[in-house]
Amino acid sequence: MDNIFLLLLVGFLAQLVDGTLGMAYGVLSTSFLLSLGLPPATASASVHTAEIFTTGVSGLSHLKFGNVKKQLFLKLLIPGSLGGILGAFILTSFPGKIIKPFISIYLLVMGIIILRKSTNHHPEEKEVQSNLIPLGLAGGFFDAVGGGGWGPIVTSTLLVKGNHPRYTIGSVNLAEFFVTLTEALTFFALIRLSHLKVILALIGGGIIAAPLAAITCKKLPPRYILIVVGTLIIILSIRNLFLFLG
């Protein structure tokens, strides 16, 4: 964990992607941290601590620009937070060596979902708010367990159902701040906060990337970013699985 520049780059790239697409900060950051040797619980706790700052800025920005649907936000908030608490308990209850391959498999699935999303062509936009409680629970749970997944699970599901991208991303991002805060506080209560350098580097890289993400969103087609991110996560996850089996 001595390579501060690599960690800054991870935080920068993760926030650049997340700010452009509304997803993949946690999945991308956690995949890298696991590859660098951090235990799953420590990696997830570090990512969610850093995300408090990045999601806070993102959520407030979306709220300011009118991208948030209050009803959608509120329906995701409580179940997402409860799912996050449960996921944090599960993750800290098992030794890292046991749970790491399962996390890698989960991240591999997330990478495939992101890659598939690059080929999606959404039908006519509509407002679908059914089954939001189980969706929020699942998103929060897997977000805590895998160190990321709120965006890929919740945002992707709502977009596939036909919800308006602007209000979906805005509402999900604002809810993510509270879900992330709940998860981080749960991790603080269950394990000792360590690897402060990792957390600060992720925050620093994210802060630098935040304003650039808006520009990237306008200049670069999201489809290409999704392809790169999905492929990268799949490669990292397969590498982690081979290291475990080897």
C-alpha atoms as a PDB file:
ATOM      1  CA  MET A   1       0.000   0.000   0.000  1.00  0.00           C
ATOM      2  CA  ASP A   2       3.044   2.256  -0.302  1.00  0.00           C
ATOM      3  CA  ASN A   3       2.335   3.232  -3.903  1.00  0.00           C
ATOM      4  CA  ILE A   4       0.312   6.366  -3.191  1.00  0.00           C
ATOM      5  CA  PHE A   5       0.289   7.389  -6.843  1.00  0.00           C
ATOM      6  CA  LEU A   6      -1.309   4.107  -7.901  1.00  0.00           C
ATOM      7  CA  LEU A   7      -4.012   4.561  -5.256  1.00  0.00           C
ATOM      8  CA  LEU A   8      -4.595   8.149  -6.384  1.00  0.00           C
ATOM      9  CA  LEU A   9      -4.950   6.866  -9.940  1.00  0.00           C
ATOM     10  CA  VAL A  10      -7.461   4.234  -8.808  1.00  0.00           C
ATOM     11  CA  GLY A  11      -9.525   6.887  -7.010  1.00  0.00           C
ATOM     12  CA  PHE A  12      -9.277   9.205  -9.994  1.00  0.00           C
ATOM     13  CA  LEU A  13     -10.321   6.630 -12.591  1.00  0.00           C
ATOM     14  CA  ALA A  14     -13.093   5.200 -10.423  1.00  0.00           C
ATOM     15  CA  GLN A  15     -14.632   8.622  -9.826  1.00  0.00           C
ATOM     16  CA  LEU A  16     -14.182   9.613 -13.467  1.00  0.00           C
ATOM     17  CA  VAL A  17     -16.145   6.537 -14.511  1.00  0.00           C
ATOM     18  CA  ASP A  18     -18.768   6.888 -11.784  1.00  0.00           C
ATOM     19  CA  GLY A  19     -19.270  10.574 -12.466  1.00  0.00           C
ATOM     20  CA  THR A  20     -19.760   9.840 -16.139  1.00  0.00           C
ATOM     21  CA  LEU A  21     -21.990   6.767 -15.853  1.00  0.00           C
ATOM     22  CA  GLY A  22     -23.511   6.946 -12.378  1.00  0.00           C
ATOM     23  CA  MET A  23     -22.020   3.575 -11.426  1.00  0.00           C
ATOM     24  CA  ALA A  24     -18.899   1.431 -10.944  1.00  0.00           C
ATOM     25  CA  TYR A  25     -16.937   3.490  -8.356  1.00  0.00           C
ATOM     26  CA  GLY A  26     -17.181   0.823  -5.680  1.00  0.00           C
ATOM     27  CA  VAL A  27     -16.831  -2.154  -8.001  1.00  0.00           C
ATOM     28  CA  LEU A  28     -13.801  -0.714  -9.771  1.00  0.00           C
ATOM     29  CA  SER A  29     -12.061   0.501  -6.582  1.00  0.00           C
ATOM     30  CA  THR A  30     -12.685  -2.734  -4.694  1.00  0.00           C
ATOM     31  CA  SER A  31     -11.446  -4.852  -7.603  1.00  0.00           C
ATOM     32  CA  PHE A  32      -8.150  -2.949  -7.578  1.00  0.00           C
ATOM     33  CA  LEU A  33      -7.773  -3.031  -3.787  1.00  0.00           C
ATOM     34  CA  LEU A  34      -8.378  -6.786  -3.687  1.00  0.00           C
ATOM     35  CA  SER A  35      -5.765  -7.177  -6.423  1.00  0.00           C
ATOM     36  CA  LEU A  36      -3.340  -5.180  -4.269  1.00  0.00           C
ATOM     37  CA  GLY A  37      -3.846  -7.607  -1.389  1.00  0.00           C
ATOM     38  CA  LEU A  38      -6.324  -5.924   0.963  1.00  0.00           C
ATOM     39  CA  PRO A  39      -8.765  -8.197   2.856  1.00  0.00           C
ATOM     40  CA  PRO A  40     -12.367  -7.933   1.584  1.00  0.00           C
ATOM     41  CA  ALA A  41     -13.737  -6.224   4.728  1.00  0.00           C
ATOM     42  CA  THR A  42     -10.889  -3.687   4.776  1.00  0.00           C
ATOM     43  CA  ALA A  43     -11.244  -2.995   1.056  1.00  0.00           C
ATOM     44  CA  SER A  44     -14.996  -2.451   1.325  1.00  0.00           C
ATOM     45  CA  ALA A  45     -14.669  -0.268   4.437  1.00  0.00           C
ATOM     46  CA  SER A  46     -11.969   1.861   2.772  1.00  0.00           C
ATOM     47  CA  VAL A  47     -13.998   2.323  -0.401  1.00  0.00           C
ATOM     48  CA  HIS A  48     -17.184   3.257   1.443  1.00  0.00           C
ATOM     49  CA  THR A  49     -15.360   5.734   3.673  1.00  0.00           C
ATOM     50  CA  ALA A  50     -13.969   7.473   0.597  1.00  0.00           C
ATOM     51  CA  GLU A  51     -17.378   7.288  -1.084  1.00  0.00           C
ATOM     52  CA  ILE A  52     -18.969   9.350   1.685  1.00  0.00           C
ATOM     53  CA  PHE A  53     -17.214  12.374   0.209  1.00  0.00           C
ATOM     54  CA  THR A  54     -17.639  11.556  -3.478  1.00  0.00           C
ATOM     55  CA  THR A  55     -21.307  10.529  -3.239  1.00  0.00           C
ATOM     56  CA  GLY A  56     -22.064  13.545  -1.061  1.00  0.00           C
ATOM     57  CA  VAL A  57     -20.818  15.951  -3.713  1.00  0.00           C
ATOM     58  CA  SER A  58     -22.506  13.966  -6.475  1.00  0.00           C
ATOM     59  CA  GLY A  59     -25.855  13.748  -4.670  1.00  0.00           C
ATOM     60  CA  LEU A  60     -25.946  17.452  -3.846  1.00  0.00           C
ATOM     61  CA  SER A  61     -25.092  18.314  -7.443  1.00  0.00           C
ATOM     62  CA  HIS A  62     -27.942  16.193  -8.787  1.00  0.00           C
ATOM     63  CA  LEU A  63     -30.317  17.701  -6.237  1.00  0.00           C
ATOM     64  CA  LYS A  64     -29.252  21.217  -7.201  1.00  0.00           C
ATOM     65  CA  PHE A  65     -29.840  20.605 -10.909  1.00  0.00           C
ATOM     66  CA  GLY A  66     -33.266  19.036 -10.388  1.00  0.00           C
ATOM     67  CA  ASN A  67     -32.282  15.490 -11.285  1.00  0.00           C
ATOM     68  CA  VAL A  68     -33.900  13.873  -8.230  1.00  0.00           C
ATOM     69  CA  LYS A  69     -37.382  12.357  -8.021  1.00  0.00           C
ATOM     70  CA  LYS A  70     -38.317  12.602  -4.337  1.00  0.00           C
ATOM     71  CA  GLN A  71     -40.585   9.548  -4.318  1.00  0.00           C
ATOM     72  CA  LEU A  72     -37.997   7.326  -6.004  1.00  0.00           C
ATOM     73  CA  PHE A  73     -35.251   8.586  -3.691  1.00  0.00           C
ATOM     74  CA  LEU A  74     -37.260   7.940  -0.517  1.00  0.00           C
ATOM     75  CA  LYS A  75     -38.343   4.453  -1.602  1.00  0.00           C
ATOM     76  CA  LEU A  76     -34.713   3.440  -2.128  1.00  0.00           C
ATOM     77  CA  LEU A  77     -33.248   5.160   0.939  1.00  0.00           C
ATOM     78  CA  ILE A  78     -34.409   2.975   3.857  1.00  0.00           C
ATOM     79  CA  PRO A  79     -34.226  -0.499   2.248  1.00  0.00           C
ATOM     80  CA  GLY A  80     -30.847   0.383   0.740  1.00  0.00           C
ATOM     81  CA  SER A  81     -29.477   1.404   4.137  1.00  0.00           C
ATOM     82  CA  LEU A  82     -30.850  -1.722   5.839  1.00  0.00           C
ATOM     83  CA  GLY A  83     -29.376  -3.938   3.134  1.00  0.00           C
ATOM     84  CA  GLY A  84     -26.021  -2.196   3.568  1.00  0.00           C
ATOM     85  CA  ILE A  85     -26.002  -2.820   7.333  1.00  0.00           C
ATOM     86  CA  LEU A  86     -26.775  -6.512   6.809  1.00  0.00           C
ATOM     87  CA  GLY A  87     -24.078  -6.818   4.156  1.00  0.00           C
ATOM     88  CA  ALA A  88     -21.466  -5.215   6.430  1.00  0.00           C
ATOM     89  CA  PHE A  89     -22.319  -7.675   9.214  1.00  0.00           C
ATOM     90  CA  ILE A  90     -21.996 -10.631   6.831  1.00  0.00           C
ATOM     91  CA  LEU A  91     -18.690  -9.420   5.383  1.00  0.00           C
ATOM     92  CA  THR A  92     -17.063  -8.886   8.799  1.00  0.00           C
ATOM     93  CA  SER A  93     -18.288 -12.226  10.165  1.00  0.00           C
ATOM     94  CA  PHE A  94     -16.180 -14.410   7.884  1.00  0.00           C
ATOM     95  CA  PRO A  95     -12.378 -14.650   7.440  1.00  0.00           C
ATOM     96  CA  GLY A  96     -11.094 -12.816   4.391  1.00  0.00           C
ATOM     97  CA  LYS A  97      -9.564 -15.938   2.835  1.00  0.00           C
ATOM     98  CA  ILE A  98     -12.948 -17.667   2.864  1.00  0.00           C
ATOM     99  CA  ILE A  99     -15.041 -14.854   1.456  1.00  0.00           C
ATOM    100  CA  LYS A 100     -12.549 -13.381  -1.047  1.00  0.00           C
ATOM    101  CA  PRO A 101     -13.270 -15.887  -3.874  1.00  0.00           C
ATOM    102  CA  PHE A 102     -17.010 -15.299  -3.480  1.00  0.00           C
ATOM    103  CA  ILE A 103     -16.457 -11.546  -3.678  1.00  0.00           C
ATOM    104  CA  SER A 104     -14.359 -12.061  -6.798  1.00  0.00           C
ATOM    105  CA  ILE A 105     -17.157 -14.110  -8.363  1.00  0.00           C
ATOM    106  CA  TYR A 106     -19.640 -11.379  -7.462  1.00  0.00           C
ATOM    107  CA  LEU A 107     -17.411  -8.715  -9.010  1.00  0.00           C
ATOM    108  CA  LEU A 108     -17.014 -10.898 -12.096  1.00  0.00           C
ATOM    109  CA  VAL A 109     -20.799 -10.964 -12.438  1.00  0.00           C
ATOM    110  CA  MET A 110     -20.914  -7.179 -11.971  1.00  0.00           C
ATOM    111  CA  GLY A 111     -18.335  -6.802 -14.732  1.00  0.00           C
ATOM    112  CA  ILE A 112     -20.450  -8.923 -17.061  1.00  0.00           C
ATOM    113  CA  ILE A 113     -23.548  -6.850 -16.196  1.00  0.00           C
ATOM    114  CA  ILE A 114     -21.685  -3.628 -16.957  1.00  0.00           C
ATOM    115  CA  LEU A 115     -20.359  -5.087 -20.209  1.00  0.00           C
ATOM    116  CA  ARG A 116     -23.836  -6.227 -21.251  1.00  0.00           C
ATOM    117  CA  LYS A 117     -25.186  -2.789 -20.423  1.00  0.00           C
ATOM    118  CA  SER A 118     -22.976  -1.354 -23.166  1.00  0.00           C
ATOM    119  CA  THR A 119     -25.130  -3.177 -25.734  1.00  0.00           C
ATOM    120  CA  ASN A 120     -28.501  -2.213 -24.243  1.00  0.00           C
ATOM    121  CA  HIS A 121     -30.847  -0.021 -26.212  1.00  0.00           C
ATOM    122  CA  HIS A 122     -33.566   1.093 -23.837  1.00  0.00           C
ATOM    123  CA  PRO A 123     -37.198   1.163 -24.957  1.00  0.00           C
ATOM    124  CA  GLU A 124     -39.563   4.064 -24.527  1.00  0.00           C
ATOM    125  CA  GLU A 125     -38.909   5.852 -21.241  1.00  0.00           C
ATOM    126  CA  LYS A 126     -41.452   5.434 -18.460  1.00  0.00           C
ATOM    127  CA  GLU A 127     -41.614   5.772 -14.709  1.00  0.00           C
ATOM    128  CA  VAL A 128     -41.548   2.350 -13.051  1.00  0.00           C
ATOM    129  CA  GLN A 129     -41.426   2.317  -9.243  1.00  0.00           C
ATOM    130  CA  SER A 130     -42.568  -1.220  -8.450  1.00  0.00           C
ATOM    131  CA  ASN A 131     -40.456  -3.639  -6.377  1.00  0.00           C
ATOM    132  CA  LEU A 132     -38.222  -0.823  -5.139  1.00  0.00           C
ATOM    133  CA  ILE A 133     -37.955  -2.209  -1.589  1.00  0.00           C
ATOM    134  CA  PRO A 134     -36.380  -5.558  -2.594  1.00  0.00           C
ATOM    135  CA  LEU A 135     -34.275  -3.746  -5.191  1.00  0.00           C
ATOM    136  CA  GLY A 136     -32.960  -1.341  -2.547  1.00  0.00           C
ATOM    137  CA  LEU A 137     -32.277  -4.194  -0.100  1.00  0.00           C
ATOM    138  CA  ALA A 138     -30.365  -6.173  -2.727  1.00  0.00           C
ATOM    139  CA  GLY A 139     -28.431  -3.130  -3.906  1.00  0.00           C
ATOM    140  CA  GLY A 140     -27.381  -2.130  -0.383  1.00  0.00           C
ATOM    141  CA  PHE A 141     -26.504  -5.688   0.648  1.00  0.00           C
ATOM    142  CA  PHE A 142     -24.293  -6.480  -2.342  1.00  0.00           C
ATOM    143  CA  ASP A 143     -22.805  -2.991  -2.243  1.00  0.00           C
ATOM    144  CA  ALA A 144     -21.485  -3.644   1.270  1.00  0.00           C
ATOM    145  CA  VAL A 145     -20.457  -7.260   0.655  1.00  0.00           C
ATOM    146  CA  GLY A 146     -18.732  -6.598  -2.657  1.00  0.00           C
ATOM    147  CA  GLY A 147     -17.469  -3.097  -1.954  1.00  0.00           C
ATOM    148  CA  GLY A 148     -19.660  -1.854  -4.792  1.00  0.00           C
ATOM    149  CA  GLY A 149     -22.794  -2.703  -6.686  1.00  0.00           C
ATOM    150  CA  TRP A 150     -25.373  -0.091  -5.744  1.00  0.00           C
ATOM    151  CA  GLY A 151     -25.093   1.619  -9.119  1.00  0.00           C
ATOM    152  CA  PRO A 152     -24.768  -1.478 -11.336  1.00  0.00           C
ATOM    153  CA  ILE A 153     -27.683  -3.216  -9.599  1.00  0.00           C
ATOM    154  CA  VAL A 154     -30.116  -0.382  -8.852  1.00  0.00           C
ATOM    155  CA  THR A 155     -29.407   2.023 -11.710  1.00  0.00           C
ATOM    156  CA  SER A 156     -29.191  -0.715 -14.345  1.00  0.00           C
ATOM    157  CA  THR A 157     -32.421  -2.365 -13.166  1.00  0.00           C
ATOM    158  CA  LEU A 158     -34.371   0.891 -13.225  1.00  0.00           C
ATOM    159  CA  LEU A 159     -33.001   1.875 -16.632  1.00  0.00           C
ATOM    160  CA  VAL A 160     -33.784  -1.533 -18.106  1.00  0.00           C
ATOM    161  CA  LYS A 161     -37.359  -1.107 -16.854  1.00  0.00           C
ATOM    162  CA  GLY A 162     -37.525   2.115 -18.858  1.00  0.00           C
ATOM    163  CA  ASN A 163     -37.089   4.830 -16.236  1.00  0.00           C
ATOM    164  CA  HIS A 164     -35.782   8.226 -17.336  1.00  0.00           C
ATOM    165  CA  PRO A 165     -31.947   8.143 -17.162  1.00  0.00           C
ATOM    166  CA  ARG A 166     -31.651  11.662 -15.739  1.00  0.00           C
ATOM    167  CA  TYR A 167     -33.983  11.114 -12.788  1.00  0.00           C
ATOM    168  CA  THR A 168     -32.832   7.549 -12.239  1.00  0.00           C
ATOM    169  CA  ILE A 169     -29.148   8.442 -11.951  1.00  0.00           C
ATOM    170  CA  GLY A 170     -29.872  11.551  -9.861  1.00  0.00           C
ATOM    171  CA  SER A 171     -32.182   9.793  -7.398  1.00  0.00           C
ATOM    172  CA  VAL A 172     -29.994   6.698  -7.085  1.00  0.00           C
ATOM    173  CA  ASN A 173     -26.872   8.817  -6.539  1.00  0.00           C
ATOM    174  CA  LEU A 174     -28.488  10.884  -3.798  1.00  0.00           C
ATOM    175  CA  ALA A 175     -29.730   7.730  -2.055  1.00  0.00           C
ATOM    176  CA  GLU A 176     -26.253   6.241  -2.417  1.00  0.00           C
ATOM    177  CA  PHE A 177     -24.777   8.907  -0.135  1.00  0.00           C
ATOM    178  CA  PHE A 178     -26.992   7.826   2.763  1.00  0.00           C
ATOM    179  CA  VAL A 179     -26.537   4.125   2.003  1.00  0.00           C
ATOM    180  CA  THR A 180     -22.755   4.589   1.887  1.00  0.00           C
ATOM    181  CA  LEU A 181     -22.759   6.600   5.114  1.00  0.00           C
ATOM    182  CA  THR A 182     -24.737   3.857   6.869  1.00  0.00           C
ATOM    183  CA  GLU A 183     -22.402   1.155   5.579  1.00  0.00           C
ATOM    184  CA  ALA A 184     -19.277   3.082   6.600  1.00  0.00           C
ATOM    185  CA  LEU A 185     -20.612   3.704  10.129  1.00  0.00           C
ATOM    186  CA  THR A 186     -21.438   0.000  10.440  1.00  0.00           C
ATOM    187  CA  PHE A 187     -17.922  -0.952   9.367  1.00  0.00           C
ATOM    188  CA  PHE A 188     -16.487   1.540  11.883  1.00  0.00           C
ATOM    189  CA  ALA A 189     -18.490  -0.140  14.650  1.00  0.00           C
ATOM    190  CA  LEU A 190     -17.421  -3.646  13.638  1.00  0.00           C
ATOM    191  CA  ILE A 191     -13.763  -3.297  12.646  1.00  0.00           C
ATOM    192  CA  ARG A 192     -10.929  -0.916  13.424  1.00  0.00           C
ATOM    193  CA  LEU A 193     -10.457   1.673  10.697  1.00  0.00           C
ATOM    194  CA  SER A 194      -7.052   1.152   9.111  1.00  0.00           C
ATOM    195  CA  HIS A 195      -5.220   1.894   5.880  1.00  0.00           C
ATOM    196  CA  LEU A 196      -5.881   5.616   6.219  1.00  0.00           C
ATOM    197  CA  LYS A 197      -3.460   6.243   3.356  1.00  0.00           C
ATOM    198  CA  VAL A 198      -5.681   4.168   1.060  1.00  0.00           C
ATOM    199  CA  ILE A 199      -8.786   6.115   2.070  1.00  0.00           C
ATOM    200  CA  LEU A 200      -7.146   9.530   1.662  1.00  0.00           C
ATOM    201  CA  ALA A 201      -5.697   8.558  -1.722  1.00  0.00           C
ATOM    202  CA  LEU A 202      -9.096   7.400  -2.988  1.00  0.00           C
ATOM    203  CA  ILE A 203     -10.669  10.641  -1.761  1.00  0.00           C
ATOM    204  CA  GLY A 204      -7.898  12.756  -3.299  1.00  0.00           C
ATOM    205  CA  GLY A 205      -8.122  11.048  -6.661  1.00  0.00           C
ATOM    206  CA  GLY A 206     -11.908  11.302  -6.609  1.00  0.00           C
ATOM    207  CA  ILE A 207     -11.880  15.015  -5.829  1.00  0.00           C
ATOM    208  CA  ILE A 208      -9.538  15.678  -8.749  1.00  0.00           C
ATOM    209  CA  ALA A 209     -11.693  13.619 -11.113  1.00  0.00           C
ATOM    210  CA  ALA A 210     -15.093  14.973 -10.049  1.00  0.00           C
ATOM    211  CA  PRO A 211     -15.117  18.135 -12.206  1.00  0.00           C
ATOM    212  CA  LEU A 212     -13.539  16.311 -15.151  1.00  0.00           C
ATOM    213  CA  ALA A 213     -16.264  13.658 -15.112  1.00  0.00           C
ATOM    214  CA  ALA A 214     -18.856  16.167 -16.283  1.00  0.00           C
ATOM    215  CA  ILE A 215     -16.677  17.068 -19.269  1.00  0.00           C
ATOM    216  CA  THR A 216     -16.014  13.398 -20.058  1.00  0.00           C
ATOM    217  CA  CYS A 217     -19.743  12.733 -19.923  1.00  0.00           C
ATOM    218  CA  LYS A 218     -20.232  15.205 -22.778  1.00  0.00           C
ATOM    219  CA  LYS A 219     -17.205  14.230 -24.867  1.00  0.00           C
ATOM    220  CA  LEU A 220     -16.970  10.441 -24.641  1.00  0.00           C
ATOM    221  CA  PRO A 221     -19.822   8.029 -25.467  1.00  0.00           C
ATOM    222  CA  PRO A 222     -20.744   6.127 -22.261  1.00  0.00           C
ATOM    223  CA  ARG A 223     -20.933   2.878 -24.251  1.00  0.00           C
ATOM    224  CA  TYR A 224     -17.176   2.865 -24.797  1.00  0.00           C
ATOM    225  CA  ILE A 225     -16.468   3.547 -21.128  1.00  0.00           C
ATOM    226  CA  LEU A 226     -18.809   0.726 -20.115  1.00  0.00           C
ATOM    227  CA  ILE A 227     -16.944  -1.683 -22.391  1.00  0.00           C
ATOM    228  CA  VAL A 228     -13.556  -0.727 -20.937  1.00  0.00           C
ATOM    229  CA  VAL A 229     -14.740  -0.811 -17.310  1.00  0.00           C
ATOM    230  CA  GLY A 230     -16.624  -4.089 -17.655  1.00  0.00           C
ATOM    231  CA  THR A 231     -13.668  -5.758 -19.342  1.00  0.00           C
ATOM    232  CA  LEU A 232     -11.229  -4.447 -16.723  1.00  0.00           C
ATOM    233  CA  ILE A 233     -13.337  -5.684 -13.799  1.00  0.00           C
ATOM    234  CA  ILE A 234     -13.718  -9.116 -15.416  1.00  0.00           C
ATOM    235  CA  ILE A 235      -9.943  -9.409 -15.912  1.00  0.00           C
ATOM    236  CA  LEU A 236      -9.190  -8.349 -12.322  1.00  0.00           C
ATOM    237  CA  SER A 237     -11.791 -10.725 -10.893  1.00  0.00           C
ATOM    238  CA  ILE A 238     -10.510 -13.687 -12.915  1.00  0.00           C
ATOM    239  CA  ARG A 239      -6.973 -12.836 -11.794  1.00  0.00           C
ATOM    240  CA  ASN A 240      -8.051 -12.826  -8.142  1.00  0.00           C
ATOM    241  CA  LEU A 241      -9.763 -16.199  -8.576  1.00  0.00           C
ATOM    242  CA  PHE A 242      -6.656 -17.726 -10.180  1.00  0.00           C
ATOM    243  CA  LEU A 243      -4.489 -16.379  -7.344  1.00  0.00           C
ATOM    244  CA  PHE A 244      -6.852 -17.986  -4.829  1.00  0.00           C
ATOM    245  CA  LEU A 245      -6.916 -21.341  -6.629  1.00  0.00           C
ATOM    246  CA  GLY A 246      -3.183 -21.295  -7.276  1.00  0.00           C
END
